[in-house]
Amino acid sequence: MELSDQHPSKKPGLGALVKSILAAAIGVQTNKNRERDFTTGSPLAFIIGGFIFTALFIASIAIIVGFVTSSQ
């Protein structure tokens, strides 16, 4: 079986990209999805997505902490 038969060359869509980033962030990425990401996905898309996720996560925590500390 050729490599192209094992892993289609179709790039993952936005939904698959977001799902992979979220799964990787919380540590539940499956081997199948990880292999798909490494063989078909663009590293730049995952890096940018990771930075966006991290920024949103930090902003969310800061907002929650702000609400909690201001209400006391």
PDB file of N, CA and C in Angstrom:
ATOM      1  N   MET A   1       0.845  -1.166   0.000  1.00  0.00           N
ATOM      2  CA  MET A   1       0.000   0.000   0.000  1.00  0.00           C
ATOM      3  C   MET A   1       0.895   1.234   0.000  1.00  0.00           C
ATOM      4  N   GLU A   2       0.610   2.158  -0.874  1.00  0.00           N
ATOM      5  CA  GLU A   2       1.402   3.378  -0.965  1.00  0.00           C
ATOM      6  C   GLU A   2       1.003   4.354   0.126  1.00  0.00           C
ATOM      7  N   LEU A   3       1.894   5.292   0.374  1.00  0.00           N
ATOM      8  CA  LEU A   3       1.624   6.308   1.382  1.00  0.00           C
ATOM      9  C   LEU A   3       0.374   7.106   1.045  1.00  0.00           C
ATOM     10  N   SER A   4       0.158   7.387  -0.235  1.00  0.00           N
ATOM     11  CA  SER A   4      -1.016   8.162  -0.630  1.00  0.00           C
ATOM     12  C   SER A   4      -2.311   7.395  -0.389  1.00  0.00           C
ATOM     13  N   ASP A   5      -2.251   6.052  -0.366  1.00  0.00           N
ATOM     14  CA  ASP A   5      -3.436   5.263  -0.068  1.00  0.00           C
ATOM     15  C   ASP A   5      -3.762   5.301   1.426  1.00  0.00           C
ATOM     16  N   GLN A   6      -2.721   5.381   2.250  1.00  0.00           N
ATOM     17  CA  GLN A   6      -2.927   5.382   3.689  1.00  0.00           C
ATOM     18  C   GLN A   6      -3.428   6.731   4.183  1.00  0.00           C
ATOM     19  N   HIS A   7      -2.902   7.802   3.632  1.00  0.00           N
ATOM     20  CA  HIS A   7      -3.251   9.144   4.078  1.00  0.00           C
ATOM     21  C   HIS A   7      -3.661   9.982   2.877  1.00  0.00           C
ATOM     22  N   PRO A   8      -4.924  10.307   2.764  1.00  0.00           N
ATOM     23  CA  PRO A   8      -5.333  11.136   1.633  1.00  0.00           C
ATOM     24  C   PRO A   8      -4.664  12.503   1.699  1.00  0.00           C
ATOM     25  N   SER A   9      -4.442  13.106   0.545  1.00  0.00           N
ATOM     26  CA  SER A   9      -3.746  14.386   0.504  1.00  0.00           C
ATOM     27  C   SER A   9      -4.676  15.565   0.779  1.00  0.00           C
ATOM     28  N   LYS A  10      -5.946  15.293   1.019  1.00  0.00           N
ATOM     29  CA  LYS A  10      -6.904  16.360   1.299  1.00  0.00           C
ATOM     30  C   LYS A  10      -6.556  17.022   2.631  1.00  0.00           C
ATOM     31  N   LYS A  11      -6.470  18.344   2.611  1.00  0.00           N
ATOM     32  CA  LYS A  11      -6.153  19.075   3.835  1.00  0.00           C
ATOM     33  C   LYS A  11      -7.380  19.118   4.733  1.00  0.00           C
ATOM     34  N   PRO A  12      -7.163  19.084   6.047  1.00  0.00           N
ATOM     35  CA  PRO A  12      -8.304  19.153   6.960  1.00  0.00           C
ATOM     36  C   PRO A  12      -8.981  20.514   6.884  1.00  0.00           C
ATOM     37  N   GLY A  13     -10.286  20.516   7.044  1.00  0.00           N
ATOM     38  CA  GLY A  13     -11.048  21.760   7.008  1.00  0.00           C
ATOM     39  C   GLY A  13     -10.919  22.530   8.310  1.00  0.00           C
ATOM     40  N   LEU A  14     -11.603  23.650   8.379  1.00  0.00           N
ATOM     41  CA  LEU A  14     -11.538  24.508   9.561  1.00  0.00           C
ATOM     42  C   LEU A  14     -12.047  23.778  10.805  1.00  0.00           C
ATOM     43  N   GLY A  15     -13.129  23.030  10.646  1.00  0.00           N
ATOM     44  CA  GLY A  15     -13.672  22.291  11.785  1.00  0.00           C
ATOM     45  C   GLY A  15     -12.697  21.258  12.318  1.00  0.00           C
ATOM     46  N   ALA A  16     -12.056  20.524  11.411  1.00  0.00           N
ATOM     47  CA  ALA A  16     -11.070  19.523  11.822  1.00  0.00           C
ATOM     48  C   ALA A  16      -9.858  20.184  12.461  1.00  0.00           C
ATOM     49  N   LEU A  17      -9.476  21.342  11.945  1.00  0.00           N
ATOM     50  CA  LEU A  17      -8.342  22.084  12.502  1.00  0.00           C
ATOM     51  C   LEU A  17      -8.646  22.525  13.932  1.00  0.00           C
ATOM     52  N   VAL A  18      -9.821  23.101  14.142  1.00  0.00           N
ATOM     53  CA  VAL A  18     -10.218  23.552  15.477  1.00  0.00           C
ATOM     54  C   VAL A  18     -10.315  22.365  16.427  1.00  0.00           C
ATOM     55  N   LYS A  19     -10.910  21.278  15.964  1.00  0.00           N
ATOM     56  CA  LYS A  19     -11.045  20.077  16.789  1.00  0.00           C
ATOM     57  C   LYS A  19      -9.676  19.536  17.188  1.00  0.00           C
ATOM     58  N   SER A  20      -8.745  19.509  16.255  1.00  0.00           N
ATOM     59  CA  SER A  20      -7.401  19.020  16.550  1.00  0.00           C
ATOM     60  C   SER A  20      -6.681  19.917  17.547  1.00  0.00           C
ATOM     61  N   ILE A  21      -6.833  21.229  17.393  1.00  0.00           N
ATOM     62  CA  ILE A  21      -6.174  22.165  18.307  1.00  0.00           C
ATOM     63  C   ILE A  21      -6.740  22.021  19.718  1.00  0.00           C
ATOM     64  N   LEU A  22      -8.057  21.934  19.835  1.00  0.00           N
ATOM     65  CA  LEU A  22      -8.672  21.778  21.155  1.00  0.00           C
ATOM     66  C   LEU A  22      -8.292  20.448  21.794  1.00  0.00           C
ATOM     67  N   ALA A  23      -8.303  19.377  20.999  1.00  0.00           N
ATOM     68  CA  ALA A  23      -7.938  18.065  21.526  1.00  0.00           C
ATOM     69  C   ALA A  23      -6.482  18.041  21.975  1.00  0.00           C
ATOM     70  N   ALA A  24      -5.614  18.645  21.207  1.00  0.00           N
ATOM     71  CA  ALA A  24      -4.198  18.690  21.579  1.00  0.00           C
ATOM     72  C   ALA A  24      -3.988  19.552  22.818  1.00  0.00           C
ATOM     73  N   ALA A  25      -4.754  20.619  22.951  1.00  0.00           N
ATOM     74  CA  ALA A  25      -4.599  21.522  24.092  1.00  0.00           C
ATOM     75  C   ALA A  25      -4.937  20.837  25.410  1.00  0.00           C
ATOM     76  N   ILE A  26      -5.935  19.961  25.386  1.00  0.00           N
ATOM     77  CA  ILE A  26      -6.303  19.281  26.634  1.00  0.00           C
ATOM     78  C   ILE A  26      -5.718  17.880  26.723  1.00  0.00           C
ATOM     79  N   GLY A  27      -4.953  17.479  25.710  1.00  0.00           N
ATOM     80  CA  GLY A  27      -4.205  16.226  25.777  1.00  0.00           C
ATOM     81  C   GLY A  27      -4.979  14.972  25.441  1.00  0.00           C
ATOM     82  N   VAL A  28      -6.000  15.065  24.602  1.00  0.00           N
ATOM     83  CA  VAL A  28      -6.781  13.879  24.258  1.00  0.00           C
ATOM     84  C   VAL A  28      -6.756  13.582  22.757  1.00  0.00           C
ATOM     85  N   GLN A  29      -5.738  14.034  22.068  1.00  0.00           N
ATOM     86  CA  GLN A  29      -5.619  13.818  20.619  1.00  0.00           C
ATOM     87  C   GLN A  29      -5.375  12.332  20.331  1.00  0.00           C
ATOM     88  N   THR A  30      -6.126  11.751  19.406  1.00  0.00           N
ATOM     89  CA  THR A  30      -5.922  10.354  19.042  1.00  0.00           C
ATOM     90  C   THR A  30      -4.740  10.229  18.088  1.00  0.00           C
ATOM     91  N   ASN A  31      -4.137   9.041  18.074  1.00  0.00           N
ATOM     92  CA  ASN A  31      -3.010   8.805  17.163  1.00  0.00           C
ATOM     93  C   ASN A  31      -3.426   8.991  15.714  1.00  0.00           C
ATOM     94  N   LYS A  32      -4.626   8.532  15.372  1.00  0.00           N
ATOM     95  CA  LYS A  32      -5.111   8.652  13.995  1.00  0.00           C
ATOM     96  C   LYS A  32      -5.191  10.117  13.573  1.00  0.00           C
ATOM     97  N   ASN A  33      -5.774  10.954  14.420  1.00  0.00           N
ATOM     98  CA  ASN A  33      -5.890  12.381  14.090  1.00  0.00           C
ATOM     99  C   ASN A  33      -4.535  13.073  14.098  1.00  0.00           C
ATOM    100  N   ARG A  34      -3.677  12.692  15.032  1.00  0.00           N
ATOM    101  CA  ARG A  34      -2.343  13.292  15.086  1.00  0.00           C
ATOM    102  C   ARG A  34      -1.561  12.967  13.823  1.00  0.00           C
ATOM    103  N   GLU A  35      -1.622  11.719  13.381  1.00  0.00           N
ATOM    104  CA  GLU A  35      -0.940  11.332  12.143  1.00  0.00           C
ATOM    105  C   GLU A  35      -1.524  12.072  10.940  1.00  0.00           C
ATOM    106  N   ARG A  36      -2.846  12.217  10.905  1.00  0.00           N
ATOM    107  CA  ARG A  36      -3.484  12.969   9.821  1.00  0.00           C
ATOM    108  C   ARG A  36      -3.001  14.416   9.809  1.00  0.00           C
ATOM    109  N   ASP A  37      -2.927  15.007  10.984  1.00  0.00           N
ATOM    110  CA  ASP A  37      -2.486  16.401  11.080  1.00  0.00           C
ATOM    111  C   ASP A  37      -1.050  16.568  10.604  1.00  0.00           C
ATOM    112  N   PHE A  38      -0.181  15.637  10.979  1.00  0.00           N
ATOM    113  CA  PHE A  38       1.227  15.753  10.602  1.00  0.00           C
ATOM    114  C   PHE A  38       1.466  15.455   9.129  1.00  0.00           C
ATOM    115  N   THR A  39       0.600  14.666   8.505  1.00  0.00           N
ATOM    116  CA  THR A  39       0.821  14.313   7.102  1.00  0.00           C
ATOM    117  C   THR A  39       0.095  15.233   6.130  1.00  0.00           C
ATOM    118  N   THR A  40      -1.044  15.794   6.534  1.00  0.00           N
ATOM    119  CA  THR A  40      -1.816  16.595   5.580  1.00  0.00           C
ATOM    120  C   THR A  40      -1.982  18.047   5.984  1.00  0.00           C
ATOM    121  N   GLY A  41      -1.837  18.352   7.253  1.00  0.00           N
ATOM    122  CA  GLY A  41      -2.082  19.710   7.715  1.00  0.00           C
ATOM    123  C   GLY A  41      -0.879  20.620   7.536  1.00  0.00           C
ATOM    124  N   SER A  42      -1.160  21.895   7.428  1.00  0.00           N
ATOM    125  CA  SER A  42      -0.105  22.900   7.324  1.00  0.00           C
ATOM    126  C   SER A  42       0.373  23.258   8.729  1.00  0.00           C
ATOM    127  N   PRO A  43       1.667  23.180   8.992  1.00  0.00           N
ATOM    128  CA  PRO A  43       2.158  23.533  10.327  1.00  0.00           C
ATOM    129  C   PRO A  43       1.804  24.972  10.711  1.00  0.00           C
ATOM    130  N   LEU A  44       1.836  25.868   9.751  1.00  0.00           N
ATOM    131  CA  LEU A  44       1.523  27.268  10.031  1.00  0.00           C
ATOM    132  C   LEU A  44       0.088  27.426  10.535  1.00  0.00           C
ATOM    133  N   ALA A  45      -0.839  26.686   9.960  1.00  0.00           N
ATOM    134  CA  ALA A  45      -2.236  26.766  10.398  1.00  0.00           C
ATOM    135  C   ALA A  45      -2.378  26.322  11.850  1.00  0.00           C
ATOM    136  N   PHE A  46      -1.663  25.260  12.227  1.00  0.00           N
ATOM    137  CA  PHE A  46      -1.740  24.771  13.604  1.00  0.00           C
ATOM    138  C   PHE A  46      -1.048  25.729  14.572  1.00  0.00           C
ATOM    139  N   ILE A  47       0.050  26.336  14.151  1.00  0.00           N
ATOM    140  CA  ILE A  47       0.759  27.296  15.003  1.00  0.00           C
ATOM    141  C   ILE A  47      -0.111  28.527  15.246  1.00  0.00           C
ATOM    142  N   ILE A  48      -0.686  29.068  14.185  1.00  0.00           N
ATOM    143  CA  ILE A  48      -1.560  30.240  14.320  1.00  0.00           C
ATOM    144  C   ILE A  48      -2.783  29.891  15.163  1.00  0.00           C
ATOM    145  N   GLY A  49      -3.379  28.735  14.894  1.00  0.00           N
ATOM    146  CA  GLY A  49      -4.529  28.298  15.681  1.00  0.00           C
ATOM    147  C   GLY A  49      -4.186  28.122  17.147  1.00  0.00           C
ATOM    148  N   GLY A  50      -3.007  27.591  17.422  1.00  0.00           N
ATOM    149  CA  GLY A  50      -2.564  27.425  18.804  1.00  0.00           C
ATOM    150  C   GLY A  50      -2.386  28.754  19.512  1.00  0.00           C
ATOM    151  N   PHE A  51      -1.807  29.732  18.814  1.00  0.00           N
ATOM    152  CA  PHE A  51      -1.651  31.067  19.404  1.00  0.00           C
ATOM    153  C   PHE A  51      -3.009  31.714  19.664  1.00  0.00           C
ATOM    154  N   ILE A  52      -3.930  31.571  18.719  1.00  0.00           N
ATOM    155  CA  ILE A  52      -5.270  32.146  18.901  1.00  0.00           C
ATOM    156  C   ILE A  52      -5.972  31.486  20.078  1.00  0.00           C
ATOM    157  N   PHE A  53      -5.902  30.151  20.159  1.00  0.00           N
ATOM    158  CA  PHE A  53      -6.520  29.436  21.276  1.00  0.00           C
ATOM    159  C   PHE A  53      -5.923  29.892  22.602  1.00  0.00           C
ATOM    160  N   THR A  54      -4.603  29.998  22.658  1.00  0.00           N
ATOM    161  CA  THR A  54      -3.932  30.405  23.892  1.00  0.00           C
ATOM    162  C   THR A  54      -4.344  31.815  24.305  1.00  0.00           C
ATOM    163  N   ALA A  55      -4.401  32.731  23.344  1.00  0.00           N
ATOM    164  CA  ALA A  55      -4.805  34.107  23.647  1.00  0.00           C
ATOM    165  C   ALA A  55      -6.243  34.152  24.158  1.00  0.00           C
ATOM    166  N   LEU A  56      -7.141  33.411  23.511  1.00  0.00           N
ATOM    167  CA  LEU A  56      -8.537  33.379  23.961  1.00  0.00           C
ATOM    168  C   LEU A  56      -8.669  32.743  25.338  1.00  0.00           C
ATOM    169  N   PHE A  57      -7.893  31.709  25.595  1.00  0.00           N
ATOM    170  CA  PHE A  57      -7.926  31.034  26.893  1.00  0.00           C
ATOM    171  C   PHE A  57      -7.456  31.982  27.998  1.00  0.00           C
ATOM    172  N   ILE A  58      -6.348  32.667  27.765  1.00  0.00           N
ATOM    173  CA  ILE A  58      -5.826  33.606  28.764  1.00  0.00           C
ATOM    174  C   ILE A  58      -6.807  34.757  28.980  1.00  0.00           C
ATOM    175  N   ALA A  59      -7.387  35.276  27.901  1.00  0.00           N
ATOM    176  CA  ALA A  59      -8.369  36.357  28.026  1.00  0.00           C
ATOM    177  C   ALA A  59      -9.591  35.887  28.814  1.00  0.00           C
ATOM    178  N   SER A  60     -10.043  34.670  28.564  1.00  0.00           N
ATOM    179  CA  SER A  60     -11.195  34.122  29.291  1.00  0.00           C
ATOM    180  C   SER A  60     -10.899  34.016  30.777  1.00  0.00           C
ATOM    181  N   ILE A  61      -9.734  33.500  31.115  1.00  0.00           N
ATOM    182  CA  ILE A  61      -9.357  33.376  32.526  1.00  0.00           C
ATOM    183  C   ILE A  61      -9.267  34.760  33.176  1.00  0.00           C
ATOM    184  N   ALA A  62      -8.679  35.724  32.473  1.00  0.00           N
ATOM    185  CA  ALA A  62      -8.556  37.079  33.016  1.00  0.00           C
ATOM    186  C   ALA A  62      -9.929  37.702  33.251  1.00  0.00           C
ATOM    187  N   ILE A  63     -10.855  37.500  32.339  1.00  0.00           N
ATOM    188  CA  ILE A  63     -12.212  38.042  32.491  1.00  0.00           C
ATOM    189  C   ILE A  63     -12.925  37.384  33.665  1.00  0.00           C
ATOM    190  N   ILE A  64     -12.812  36.074  33.774  1.00  0.00           N
ATOM    191  CA  ILE A  64     -13.451  35.355  34.888  1.00  0.00           C
ATOM    192  C   ILE A  64     -12.877  35.819  36.219  1.00  0.00           C
ATOM    193  N   VAL A  65     -11.563  35.933  36.300  1.00  0.00           N
ATOM    194  CA  VAL A  65     -10.926  36.401  37.537  1.00  0.00           C
ATOM    195  C   VAL A  65     -11.369  37.827  37.848  1.00  0.00           C
ATOM    196  N   GLY A  66     -11.482  38.656  36.821  1.00  0.00           N
ATOM    197  CA  GLY A  66     -11.948  40.026  37.030  1.00  0.00           C
ATOM    198  C   GLY A  66     -13.351  40.077  37.606  1.00  0.00           C
ATOM    199  N   PHE A  67     -14.250  39.244  37.089  1.00  0.00           N
ATOM    200  CA  PHE A  67     -15.613  39.202  37.610  1.00  0.00           C
ATOM    201  C   PHE A  67     -15.646  38.694  39.043  1.00  0.00           C
ATOM    202  N   VAL A  68     -14.879  37.666  39.319  1.00  0.00           N
ATOM    203  CA  VAL A  68     -14.884  37.073  40.660  1.00  0.00           C
ATOM    204  C   VAL A  68     -14.311  38.041  41.685  1.00  0.00           C
ATOM    205  N   THR A  69     -13.216  38.693  41.360  1.00  0.00           N
ATOM    206  CA  THR A  69     -12.595  39.595  42.336  1.00  0.00           C
ATOM    207  C   THR A  69     -13.360  40.905  42.494  1.00  0.00           C
ATOM    208  N   SER A  70     -14.070  41.345  41.480  1.00  0.00           N
ATOM    209  CA  SER A  70     -14.826  42.598  41.604  1.00  0.00           C
ATOM    210  C   SER A  70     -16.141  42.403  42.344  1.00  0.00           C
ATOM    211  N   SER A  71     -16.643  41.192  42.409  1.00  0.00           N
ATOM    212  CA  SER A  71     -17.921  40.946  43.071  1.00  0.00           C
ATOM    213  C   SER A  71     -17.759  40.700  44.565  1.00  0.00           C
ATOM    214  N   GLN A  72     -16.539  40.655  45.055  1.00  0.00           N
ATOM    215  CA  GLN A  72     -16.344  40.389  46.486  1.00  0.00           C
ATOM    216  C   GLN A  72     -16.130  41.642  47.259  1.00  0.00           C
TER     217      GLN A  72
END
